[in-house]
Amino acid sequence: MEHHPAAAWLTETAASAVKQHGAGNLLRIVLVLMILGCVLTAWFLLRGYKRKDD
């Protein structure tokens, strides 16, 4: 398996967040990012319906 520094940094950051504050804050961050992702995806998919074809 290849080593990816960004992935290692992300896992270390998540592990330190869980150690310091428990799993609650990490889950809140994940939920907020999921909701933002859903909103951006819906906007991207639905923006095409707004155009009027003459």
PDB file of N, CA and C in Angstrom:
ATOM      1  N   MET A   1       0.828  -1.183   0.000  1.00  0.00           N
ATOM      2  CA  MET A   1       0.000   0.000   0.000  1.00  0.00           C
ATOM      3  C   MET A   1       0.872   1.246   0.000  1.00  0.00           C
ATOM      4  N   GLU A   2       0.440   2.260  -0.726  1.00  0.00           N
ATOM      5  CA  GLU A   2       1.209   3.485  -0.801  1.00  0.00           C
ATOM      6  C   GLU A   2       0.922   4.363   0.412  1.00  0.00           C
ATOM      7  N   HIS A   3       1.914   5.155   0.773  1.00  0.00           N
ATOM      8  CA  HIS A   3       1.758   6.074   1.902  1.00  0.00           C
ATOM      9  C   HIS A   3       1.320   7.434   1.377  1.00  0.00           C
ATOM     10  N   HIS A   4       0.226   7.949   1.898  1.00  0.00           N
ATOM     11  CA  HIS A   4      -0.280   9.253   1.508  1.00  0.00           C
ATOM     12  C   HIS A   4      -0.203  10.183   2.719  1.00  0.00           C
ATOM     13  N   PRO A   5       0.653  11.206   2.683  1.00  0.00           N
ATOM     14  CA  PRO A   5       0.797  12.100   3.834  1.00  0.00           C
ATOM     15  C   PRO A   5      -0.502  12.793   4.217  1.00  0.00           C
ATOM     16  N   ALA A   6      -1.336  13.153   3.237  1.00  0.00           N
ATOM     17  CA  ALA A   6      -2.589  13.829   3.560  1.00  0.00           C
ATOM     18  C   ALA A   6      -3.523  12.901   4.326  1.00  0.00           C
ATOM     19  N   ALA A   7      -3.568  11.640   3.923  1.00  0.00           N
ATOM     20  CA  ALA A   7      -4.432  10.683   4.626  1.00  0.00           C
ATOM     21  C   ALA A   7      -3.913  10.443   6.034  1.00  0.00           C
ATOM     22  N   ALA A   8      -2.607  10.380   6.205  1.00  0.00           N
ATOM     23  CA  ALA A   8      -2.034  10.181   7.537  1.00  0.00           C
ATOM     24  C   ALA A   8      -2.346  11.377   8.427  1.00  0.00           C
ATOM     25  N   TRP A   9      -2.246  12.583   7.868  1.00  0.00           N
ATOM     26  CA  TRP A   9      -2.555  13.782   8.638  1.00  0.00           C
ATOM     27  C   TRP A   9      -4.017  13.786   9.063  1.00  0.00           C
ATOM     28  N   LEU A  10      -4.897  13.376   8.157  1.00  0.00           N
ATOM     29  CA  LEU A  10      -6.320  13.361   8.448  1.00  0.00           C
ATOM     30  C   LEU A  10      -6.654  12.363   9.551  1.00  0.00           C
ATOM     31  N   THR A  11      -6.076  11.181   9.489  1.00  0.00           N
ATOM     32  CA  THR A  11      -6.353  10.183  10.516  1.00  0.00           C
ATOM     33  C   THR A  11      -5.771  10.594  11.859  1.00  0.00           C
ATOM     34  N   GLU A  12      -4.585  11.224  11.866  1.00  0.00           N
ATOM     35  CA  GLU A  12      -4.002  11.711  13.119  1.00  0.00           C
ATOM     36  C   GLU A  12      -4.851  12.812  13.728  1.00  0.00           C
ATOM     37  N   THR A  13      -5.361  13.704  12.894  1.00  0.00           N
ATOM     38  CA  THR A  13      -6.211  14.785  13.380  1.00  0.00           C
ATOM     39  C   THR A  13      -7.512  14.244  13.962  1.00  0.00           C
ATOM     40  N   ALA A  14      -8.113  13.289  13.266  1.00  0.00           N
ATOM     41  CA  ALA A  14      -9.355  12.689  13.769  1.00  0.00           C
ATOM     42  C   ALA A  14      -9.105  11.938  15.066  1.00  0.00           C
ATOM     43  N   ALA A  15      -7.987  11.227  15.155  1.00  0.00           N
ATOM     44  CA  ALA A  15      -7.671  10.478  16.373  1.00  0.00           C
ATOM     45  C   ALA A  15      -7.435  11.427  17.543  1.00  0.00           C
ATOM     46  N   SER A  16      -6.748  12.538  17.308  1.00  0.00           N
ATOM     47  CA  SER A  16      -6.507  13.483  18.398  1.00  0.00           C
ATOM     48  C   SER A  16      -7.802  14.165  18.833  1.00  0.00           C
ATOM     49  N   ALA A  17      -8.713  14.426  17.874  1.00  0.00           N
ATOM     50  CA  ALA A  17     -10.002  15.029  18.222  1.00  0.00           C
ATOM     51  C   ALA A  17     -10.818  14.080  19.089  1.00  0.00           C
ATOM     52  N   VAL A  18     -10.768  12.795  18.775  1.00  0.00           N
ATOM     53  CA  VAL A  18     -11.511  11.817  19.563  1.00  0.00           C
ATOM     54  C   VAL A  18     -10.903  11.690  20.957  1.00  0.00           C
ATOM     55  N   LYS A  19      -9.596  11.721  21.054  1.00  0.00           N
ATOM     56  CA  LYS A  19      -8.935  11.624  22.363  1.00  0.00           C
ATOM     57  C   LYS A  19      -9.266  12.817  23.236  1.00  0.00           C
ATOM     58  N   GLN A  20      -9.229  14.006  22.658  1.00  0.00           N
ATOM     59  CA  GLN A  20      -9.408  15.224  23.445  1.00  0.00           C
ATOM     60  C   GLN A  20     -10.866  15.493  23.804  1.00  0.00           C
ATOM     61  N   HIS A  21     -11.763  15.277  22.864  1.00  0.00           N
ATOM     62  CA  HIS A  21     -13.142  15.718  23.065  1.00  0.00           C
ATOM     63  C   HIS A  21     -14.168  14.599  22.981  1.00  0.00           C
ATOM     64  N   GLY A  22     -13.751  13.410  22.755  1.00  0.00           N
ATOM     65  CA  GLY A  22     -14.698  12.320  22.599  1.00  0.00           C
ATOM     66  C   GLY A  22     -15.215  12.246  21.174  1.00  0.00           C
ATOM     67  N   ALA A  23     -16.048  11.272  20.927  1.00  0.00           N
ATOM     68  CA  ALA A  23     -16.538  11.051  19.563  1.00  0.00           C
ATOM     69  C   ALA A  23     -17.621  12.050  19.161  1.00  0.00           C
ATOM     70  N   GLY A  24     -18.211  12.748  20.103  1.00  0.00           N
ATOM     71  CA  GLY A  24     -19.316  13.653  19.804  1.00  0.00           C
ATOM     72  C   GLY A  24     -18.959  14.744  18.814  1.00  0.00           C
ATOM     73  N   ASN A  25     -17.821  15.419  19.034  1.00  0.00           N
ATOM     74  CA  ASN A  25     -17.426  16.508  18.138  1.00  0.00           C
ATOM     75  C   ASN A  25     -17.085  15.989  16.754  1.00  0.00           C
ATOM     76  N   LEU A  26     -16.426  14.855  16.686  1.00  0.00           N
ATOM     77  CA  LEU A  26     -16.086  14.276  15.386  1.00  0.00           C
ATOM     78  C   LEU A  26     -17.351  13.924  14.616  1.00  0.00           C
ATOM     79  N   LEU A  27     -18.331  13.358  15.289  1.00  0.00           N
ATOM     80  CA  LEU A  27     -19.592  13.022  14.620  1.00  0.00           C
ATOM     81  C   LEU A  27     -20.338  14.266  14.165  1.00  0.00           C
ATOM     82  N   ARG A  28     -20.270  15.335  14.957  1.00  0.00           N
ATOM     83  CA  ARG A  28     -20.911  16.588  14.548  1.00  0.00           C
ATOM     84  C   ARG A  28     -20.269  17.132  13.279  1.00  0.00           C
ATOM     85  N   ILE A  29     -18.944  17.086  13.223  1.00  0.00           N
ATOM     86  CA  ILE A  29     -18.233  17.574  12.045  1.00  0.00           C
ATOM     87  C   ILE A  29     -18.603  16.745  10.827  1.00  0.00           C
ATOM     88  N   VAL A  30     -18.645  15.436  10.990  1.00  0.00           N
ATOM     89  CA  VAL A  30     -19.002  14.551   9.875  1.00  0.00           C
ATOM     90  C   VAL A  30     -20.423  14.833   9.407  1.00  0.00           C
ATOM     91  N   LEU A  31     -21.345  15.018  10.324  1.00  0.00           N
ATOM     92  CA  LEU A  31     -22.734  15.300   9.944  1.00  0.00           C
ATOM     93  C   LEU A  31     -22.862  16.630   9.220  1.00  0.00           C
ATOM     94  N   VAL A  32     -22.177  17.658   9.689  1.00  0.00           N
ATOM     95  CA  VAL A  32     -22.236  18.966   9.042  1.00  0.00           C
ATOM     96  C   VAL A  32     -21.666  18.873   7.627  1.00  0.00           C
ATOM     97  N   LEU A  33     -20.546  18.175   7.467  1.00  0.00           N
ATOM     98  CA  LEU A  33     -19.966  18.019   6.135  1.00  0.00           C
ATOM     99  C   LEU A  33     -20.874  17.217   5.211  1.00  0.00           C
ATOM    100  N   MET A  34     -21.547  16.203   5.742  1.00  0.00           N
ATOM    101  CA  MET A  34     -22.472  15.424   4.923  1.00  0.00           C
ATOM    102  C   MET A  34     -23.647  16.281   4.468  1.00  0.00           C
ATOM    103  N   ILE A  35     -24.182  17.095   5.361  1.00  0.00           N
ATOM    104  CA  ILE A  35     -25.315  17.959   5.009  1.00  0.00           C
ATOM    105  C   ILE A  35     -24.887  18.986   3.965  1.00  0.00           C
ATOM    106  N   LEU A  36     -23.710  19.595   4.159  1.00  0.00           N
ATOM    107  CA  LEU A  36     -23.220  20.548   3.171  1.00  0.00           C
ATOM    108  C   LEU A  36     -23.002  19.881   1.813  1.00  0.00           C
ATOM    109  N   GLY A  37     -22.486  18.663   1.835  1.00  0.00           N
ATOM    110  CA  GLY A  37     -22.288  17.926   0.591  1.00  0.00           C
ATOM    111  C   GLY A  37     -23.600  17.644  -0.107  1.00  0.00           C
ATOM    112  N   CYS A  38     -24.624  17.283   0.646  1.00  0.00           N
ATOM    113  CA  CYS A  38     -25.944  17.024   0.058  1.00  0.00           C
ATOM    114  C   CYS A  38     -26.540  18.294  -0.537  1.00  0.00           C
ATOM    115  N   VAL A  39     -26.390  19.402   0.157  1.00  0.00           N
ATOM    116  CA  VAL A  39     -26.920  20.670  -0.348  1.00  0.00           C
ATOM    117  C   VAL A  39     -26.204  21.076  -1.630  1.00  0.00           C
ATOM    118  N   LEU A  40     -24.882  20.965  -1.645  1.00  0.00           N
ATOM    119  CA  LEU A  40     -24.138  21.328  -2.853  1.00  0.00           C
ATOM    120  C   LEU A  40     -24.453  20.394  -4.012  1.00  0.00           C
ATOM    121  N   THR A  41     -24.628  19.119  -3.738  1.00  0.00           N
ATOM    122  CA  THR A  41     -24.982  18.164  -4.789  1.00  0.00           C
ATOM    123  C   THR A  41     -26.370  18.469  -5.348  1.00  0.00           C
ATOM    124  N   ALA A  42     -27.323  18.749  -4.469  1.00  0.00           N
ATOM    125  CA  ALA A  42     -28.678  19.088  -4.924  1.00  0.00           C
ATOM    126  C   ALA A  42     -28.657  20.365  -5.757  1.00  0.00           C
ATOM    127  N   TRP A  43     -27.906  21.366  -5.320  1.00  0.00           N
ATOM    128  CA  TRP A  43     -27.812  22.610  -6.083  1.00  0.00           C
ATOM    129  C   TRP A  43     -27.221  22.346  -7.459  1.00  0.00           C
ATOM    130  N   PHE A  44     -26.162  21.549  -7.511  1.00  0.00           N
ATOM    131  CA  PHE A  44     -25.504  21.254  -8.784  1.00  0.00           C
ATOM    132  C   PHE A  44     -26.448  20.512  -9.736  1.00  0.00           C
ATOM    133  N   LEU A  45     -27.197  19.547  -9.208  1.00  0.00           N
ATOM    134  CA  LEU A  45     -28.089  18.760 -10.055  1.00  0.00           C
ATOM    135  C   LEU A  45     -29.328  19.539 -10.483  1.00  0.00           C
ATOM    136  N   LEU A  46     -29.842  20.378  -9.598  1.00  0.00           N
ATOM    137  CA  LEU A  46     -31.092  21.072  -9.888  1.00  0.00           C
ATOM    138  C   LEU A  46     -30.906  22.388 -10.625  1.00  0.00           C
ATOM    139  N   ARG A  47     -29.683  22.908 -10.701  1.00  0.00           N
ATOM    140  CA  ARG A  47     -29.493  24.191 -11.368  1.00  0.00           C
ATOM    141  C   ARG A  47     -29.775  24.107 -12.863  1.00  0.00           C
ATOM    142  N   GLY A  48     -29.674  22.926 -13.452  1.00  0.00           N
ATOM    143  CA  GLY A  48     -29.955  22.763 -14.868  1.00  0.00           C
ATOM    144  C   GLY A  48     -31.427  22.903 -15.181  1.00  0.00           C
ATOM    145  N   TYR A  49     -32.307  22.635 -14.227  1.00  0.00           N
ATOM    146  CA  TYR A  49     -33.736  22.750 -14.464  1.00  0.00           C
ATOM    147  C   TYR A  49     -34.212  24.194 -14.492  1.00  0.00           C
ATOM    148  N   LYS A  50     -33.382  25.098 -13.998  1.00  0.00           N
ATOM    149  CA  LYS A  50     -33.772  26.486 -13.939  1.00  0.00           C
ATOM    150  C   LYS A  50     -33.673  27.163 -15.307  1.00  0.00           C
ATOM    151  N   ARG A  51     -32.848  26.642 -16.191  1.00  0.00           N
ATOM    152  CA  ARG A  51     -32.675  27.232 -17.523  1.00  0.00           C
ATOM    153  C   ARG A  51     -33.934  27.066 -18.363  1.00  0.00           C
ATOM    154  N   LYS A  52     -34.247  28.105 -19.110  1.00  0.00           N
ATOM    155  CA  LYS A  52     -35.412  28.044 -19.987  1.00  0.00           C
ATOM    156  C   LYS A  52     -34.951  27.791 -21.416  1.00  0.00           C
ATOM    157  N   ASP A  53     -35.507  26.791 -22.032  1.00  0.00           N
ATOM    158  CA  ASP A  53     -35.208  26.498 -23.432  1.00  0.00           C
ATOM    159  C   ASP A  53     -36.236  27.210 -24.312  1.00  0.00           C
ATOM    160  N   ASP A  54     -35.750  28.023 -25.237  1.00  0.00           N
ATOM    161  CA  ASP A  54     -36.676  28.743 -26.125  1.00  0.00           C
ATOM    162  C   ASP A  54     -36.933  27.964 -27.379  1.00  0.00           C
TER     163      ASP A  54
END
